[in-house]
Each structure stands twice: as structure tokens, then as C-alpha cells.
Amino acid sequence: MTTDPGIAGKSRTSPTYPGQDHVSLFIMKKKLTLSIEGAIVRKAKAYSRKCGKSVSEFFEEVVEQATNSKKPERKSWSETWGGTLQLTDTDALRDDRMGHLVRKARTKGTHMKQKRA
């Protein structure tokens, strides 16, 4: 067992590999040949150099982000259109479902205002 320098008096070992303080994992890399325009190659090299990474590391990150990104969450119909429909008094007088919903919404709005007061 070795002492962990970050925690005085505490020691740690690997539960999977008794007697070992660390385990090294090696990931096999594959070579890939790409045909890319010269201007894009220069941009990739400059950007990766600026970030302190290799072009391969930069490319891996870009591919991971592109393939793992979630689709943007869609807004519900009410979030998108809520409050944009202008209802008139004529709509409240209608003798159909629309008229019923308008009257219900107006009653609910008045009821909520009375509750707050």
C-alpha cells in the first residue's frame, strides 16, 4: 500500500488489482486518411496549436460533439403560441367550442385576479 500524498495518513489501493496503486488503460488508436482542403487543414492546425492539442485530438473532440449532441428541445405548442391569439367579445358570444373556451379562459382569468386580491 502506498500513501496518497493528498490525504495525510490515509492509504489507498486498487480494489480490482490488490497491491497496485493505479491501473493504466491503453486505448488502441486507428489511423485515418482524410482528403481535406488546404485552407481547412491550416485552420485545424492553427486552432489545435492554440488549444495545445494535436490535430487528432481536436478532430476526435469535434466528431464526439457532433455525434453526441442532443437535439434542441422543442417548445410545446402553448409555449410557442401562448398569448399570441387575440380574442374579441364576438368570439365569446360564439355558440361552439371556441366560444366556450373563450368564456372559460375569461372566467378563469377573472377568478385568478380575485384570488390574488
Foldseek 3Di string as FASTA:
>chain_A
DDCDPVDPPDDDPDPVDPPHRDDDDDDDDDDDDDDDDPVVVVVLCVVCVVVVHHSVVVVVVVVCCVVVPDDDDDDDPCVVCPPVDDDDVVQCVDPDPSVVVVVVVVVVVVVVVVVVD
